[in-house]
Amino acid sequence: MVKQARAVRTRAALVHAAAEQFAQGGYERTSLARISRAADISMGALSFHFASKAELAEAVHEGGRELVEAALDKLGSEPGSALRAVVRLTLELTRLIDKEPLVRSAVRLARERQAFEEWSEIWLPTVRELLAKASRDGELREGALPDDVTRLVEYLTAGSEAQLNASKEVRDATESLERVWRLALAGVSATDEAV
């Protein structure tokens, strides 16, 4: 039983170290030796748990996916308007990318490797479902089509991800996205002539 608990801890430490390394250097520039050193675990132990870098990347991607799915489940079960749930979802995704190495790495791995699904395919079905409900419930303005609002959500989420990737000095990407959402929900034009 002690060996089994130690094996679980070792595997978790390797996945965490790999997430940090993949998030920083990407898949191609991250070696198994670098992950082994970062985890302070021998290459032999790494090889025992993971036969290849691709297998380790899969474990990292799956760990990030699980964190996102847990957040989606939690947000989906909260009472309130569907449109507010979409806003909360994007804020939580931004927070996860910013604070959780597994999620940040899963996003990068999905972008770099065709072996993984698109990052947005993890959460977009929930967004589409919520926006369809928001439309049925009369939460969207007339002319605000769920598909167009879905595109807005994709743009805002991609923008937050880009902001996090571009600068190590981002104070609070979630707070920034929240301000942008306030603008988007209220509208920015004083007249209808802007578009």
Protein backbone atom coordinates (compact mmCIF):
# COMPACT_ATOMS: atom_id res chain seq x y z
CA MET A 1 0.00 0.00 0.00
CA VAL A 2 2.91 2.36 0.78
CA LYS A 3 4.49 1.65 -2.63
CA GLN A 4 1.16 2.33 -4.33
CA ALA A 5 0.73 5.70 -2.56
CA ARG A 6 4.30 6.64 -3.45
CA ALA A 7 3.69 5.69 -7.10
CA VAL A 8 0.58 7.93 -7.18
CA ARG A 9 2.58 10.84 -5.69
CA THR A 10 5.44 10.29 -8.16
CA ARG A 11 3.08 10.21 -11.13
CA ALA A 12 1.32 13.37 -9.93
CA ALA A 13 4.66 15.15 -9.44
CA LEU A 14 5.74 14.20 -12.96
CA VAL A 15 2.46 15.43 -14.48
CA HIS A 16 2.71 18.70 -12.55
CA ALA A 17 6.35 19.24 -13.56
CA ALA A 18 5.52 18.39 -17.18
CA ALA A 19 2.63 20.87 -17.13
CA GLU A 20 4.95 23.63 -15.93
CA GLN A 21 7.59 22.77 -18.53
CA PHE A 22 5.19 22.38 -21.46
CA ALA A 23 3.48 25.66 -20.52
CA GLN A 24 6.85 27.47 -20.51
CA GLY A 25 8.66 25.88 -23.42
CA GLY A 26 6.06 24.09 -25.49
CA TYR A 27 6.03 20.46 -26.50
CA GLU A 28 8.96 20.44 -28.92
CA ARG A 29 11.37 22.37 -26.70
CA THR A 30 10.63 20.37 -23.56
CA SER A 31 12.67 17.21 -23.03
CA LEU A 32 11.93 14.33 -20.72
CA ALA A 33 15.26 15.03 -18.99
CA ARG A 34 14.11 18.59 -18.29
CA ILE A 35 10.84 17.30 -16.81
CA SER A 36 12.73 14.73 -14.74
CA ARG A 37 14.99 17.45 -13.30
CA ALA A 38 12.06 19.79 -12.62
CA ALA A 39 10.22 17.03 -10.73
CA ASP A 40 13.42 15.91 -8.98
CA ILE A 41 12.58 12.37 -10.07
CA SER A 42 14.93 10.00 -11.89
CA MET A 43 14.59 9.28 -15.59
CA GLY A 44 14.06 5.63 -14.67
CA ALA A 45 11.04 6.52 -12.54
CA LEU A 46 9.74 8.81 -15.28
CA SER A 47 10.10 6.00 -17.85
CA PHE A 48 8.34 3.59 -15.51
CA HIS A 49 5.27 5.85 -15.37
CA PHE A 50 5.33 7.22 -18.93
CA ALA A 51 6.66 5.36 -21.96
CA SER A 52 7.04 8.54 -24.03
CA LYS A 53 6.82 12.31 -24.01
CA ALA A 54 3.57 12.01 -25.99
CA GLU A 55 2.06 9.83 -23.26
CA LEU A 56 3.10 12.35 -20.60
CA ALA A 57 1.66 15.21 -22.67
CA GLU A 58 -1.61 13.25 -22.91
CA ALA A 59 -1.72 12.96 -19.11
CA VAL A 60 -1.12 16.71 -18.77
CA HIS A 61 -3.80 17.51 -21.36
CA GLU A 62 -6.27 15.19 -19.63
CA GLY A 63 -5.52 16.80 -16.25
CA GLY A 64 -6.23 20.26 -17.67
CA ARG A 65 -9.39 19.00 -19.34
CA GLU A 66 -10.61 17.54 -16.02
CA LEU A 67 -10.11 20.88 -14.25
CA VAL A 68 -12.07 22.70 -16.97
CA GLU A 69 -14.86 20.09 -16.96
CA ALA A 70 -15.14 20.35 -13.16
CA ALA A 71 -15.51 24.13 -13.48
CA LEU A 72 -18.14 23.68 -16.21
CA ASP A 73 -20.11 21.24 -14.03
CA LYS A 74 -19.99 23.62 -11.08
CA LEU A 75 -21.05 26.64 -13.14
CA GLY A 76 -23.76 24.66 -14.89
CA SER A 77 -25.37 23.70 -11.60
CA GLU A 78 -25.50 27.25 -10.19
CA PRO A 79 -28.86 29.01 -10.32
CA GLY A 80 -29.30 32.23 -12.26
CA SER A 81 -29.43 33.50 -15.78
CA ALA A 82 -27.82 31.58 -18.61
CA LEU A 83 -26.11 34.71 -19.95
CA ARG A 84 -24.54 35.40 -16.56
CA ALA A 85 -23.36 31.79 -16.49
CA VAL A 86 -21.59 32.35 -19.84
CA VAL A 87 -19.84 35.42 -18.43
CA ARG A 88 -18.83 33.51 -15.27
CA LEU A 89 -17.61 30.64 -17.44
CA THR A 90 -15.26 32.89 -19.45
CA LEU A 91 -13.98 34.49 -16.26
CA GLU A 92 -13.30 31.07 -14.75
CA LEU A 93 -11.54 29.86 -17.92
CA THR A 94 -9.30 32.92 -17.78
CA ARG A 95 -8.58 32.33 -14.10
CA LEU A 96 -7.73 28.68 -14.79
CA ILE A 97 -5.37 29.56 -17.65
CA ASP A 98 -3.70 32.14 -15.43
CA LYS A 99 -3.42 30.12 -12.22
CA GLU A 100 -3.45 26.42 -13.15
CA PRO A 101 -0.37 25.03 -14.93
CA LEU A 102 -2.34 21.97 -16.09
CA VAL A 103 -4.90 24.15 -17.88
CA ARG A 104 -2.32 26.59 -19.25
CA SER A 105 -0.32 23.65 -20.59
CA ALA A 106 -3.42 21.91 -22.00
CA VAL A 107 -4.25 25.08 -23.93
CA ARG A 108 -0.73 25.28 -25.35
CA LEU A 109 -0.54 21.57 -26.15
CA ALA A 110 -3.89 21.73 -27.97
CA ARG A 111 -2.56 24.63 -30.05
CA GLU A 112 0.76 22.93 -30.85
CA ARG A 113 -0.26 19.31 -31.38
CA GLN A 114 -2.94 17.98 -33.69
CA ALA A 115 -3.18 14.89 -31.49
CA PHE A 116 -5.41 16.84 -29.10
CA GLU A 117 -8.83 18.34 -29.60
CA GLU A 118 -9.13 22.09 -29.96
CA TRP A 119 -9.06 23.79 -26.56
CA SER A 120 -12.36 25.55 -27.24
CA GLU A 121 -14.12 22.26 -27.99
CA ILE A 122 -13.91 21.44 -24.28
CA TRP A 123 -16.09 24.41 -23.26
CA LEU A 124 -17.85 25.68 -26.42
CA PRO A 125 -20.67 23.10 -26.28
CA THR A 126 -21.60 24.42 -22.83
CA VAL A 127 -21.47 28.02 -24.10
CA ARG A 128 -23.72 27.15 -27.06
CA GLU A 129 -26.19 25.40 -24.77
CA LEU A 130 -26.29 28.32 -22.32
CA LEU A 131 -26.70 30.90 -25.07
CA ALA A 132 -29.54 28.94 -26.66
CA LYS A 133 -31.23 28.97 -23.25
CA ALA A 134 -30.50 32.69 -22.83
CA SER A 135 -32.13 33.33 -26.20
CA ARG A 136 -35.21 31.24 -25.32
CA ASP A 137 -35.49 33.04 -21.97
CA GLY A 138 -35.34 36.47 -23.61
CA GLU A 139 -31.97 37.41 -22.11
CA LEU A 140 -30.45 38.46 -25.44
CA ARG A 141 -31.33 41.67 -27.24
CA GLU A 142 -33.36 41.41 -30.39
CA GLY A 143 -30.92 40.72 -33.22
CA ALA A 144 -28.26 39.25 -30.89
CA LEU A 145 -28.09 35.76 -32.34
CA PRO A 146 -26.67 32.98 -30.14
CA ASP A 147 -24.12 32.08 -32.87
CA ASP A 148 -22.84 35.68 -32.95
CA VAL A 149 -22.65 35.85 -29.16
CA THR A 150 -20.79 32.51 -29.19
CA ARG A 151 -18.26 34.07 -31.56
CA LEU A 152 -17.92 37.03 -29.17
CA VAL A 153 -17.23 34.60 -26.32
CA GLU A 154 -14.55 32.87 -28.43
CA TYR A 155 -12.92 36.23 -29.23
CA LEU A 156 -12.95 37.38 -25.61
CA THR A 157 -11.53 34.09 -24.36
CA ALA A 158 -8.83 34.03 -27.05
CA GLY A 159 -8.00 37.65 -26.23
CA SER A 160 -7.58 36.81 -22.54
CA GLU A 161 -5.36 33.87 -23.43
CA ALA A 162 -3.26 36.08 -25.72
CA GLN A 163 -2.98 38.74 -23.01
CA LEU A 164 -1.76 36.13 -20.53
CA ASN A 165 0.76 34.75 -23.04
CA ALA A 166 2.05 38.14 -24.14
CA SER A 167 2.97 39.57 -20.78
CA LYS A 168 4.31 38.25 -17.52
CA GLU A 169 3.17 41.53 -15.99
CA VAL A 170 -0.59 40.98 -16.34
CA ARG A 171 -2.04 42.15 -13.06
CA ASP A 172 -5.34 40.36 -13.24
CA ALA A 173 -6.56 39.04 -16.56
CA THR A 174 -9.87 37.98 -15.00
CA GLU A 175 -10.55 41.51 -13.77
CA SER A 176 -9.64 42.90 -17.18
CA LEU A 177 -12.02 40.48 -18.91
CA GLU A 178 -14.76 41.40 -16.45
CA ARG A 179 -14.42 45.09 -17.45
CA VAL A 180 -14.55 44.16 -21.15
CA TRP A 181 -17.68 42.06 -20.52
CA ARG A 182 -19.36 45.06 -18.85
CA LEU A 183 -18.69 47.07 -22.01
CA ALA A 184 -19.90 44.29 -24.29
CA LEU A 185 -23.09 43.72 -22.32
CA ALA A 186 -23.90 47.42 -22.08
CA GLY A 187 -22.74 48.30 -25.58
CA VAL A 188 -20.23 51.00 -26.37
CA SER A 189 -22.00 53.08 -29.00
CA ALA A 190 -24.16 56.01 -27.98
CA THR A 191 -25.89 55.72 -31.37
CA ASP A 192 -26.87 52.92 -33.70
CA GLU A 193 -24.61 54.32 -36.44
CA ALA A 194 -21.40 52.61 -35.26
CA VAL A 195 -21.83 49.48 -37.40
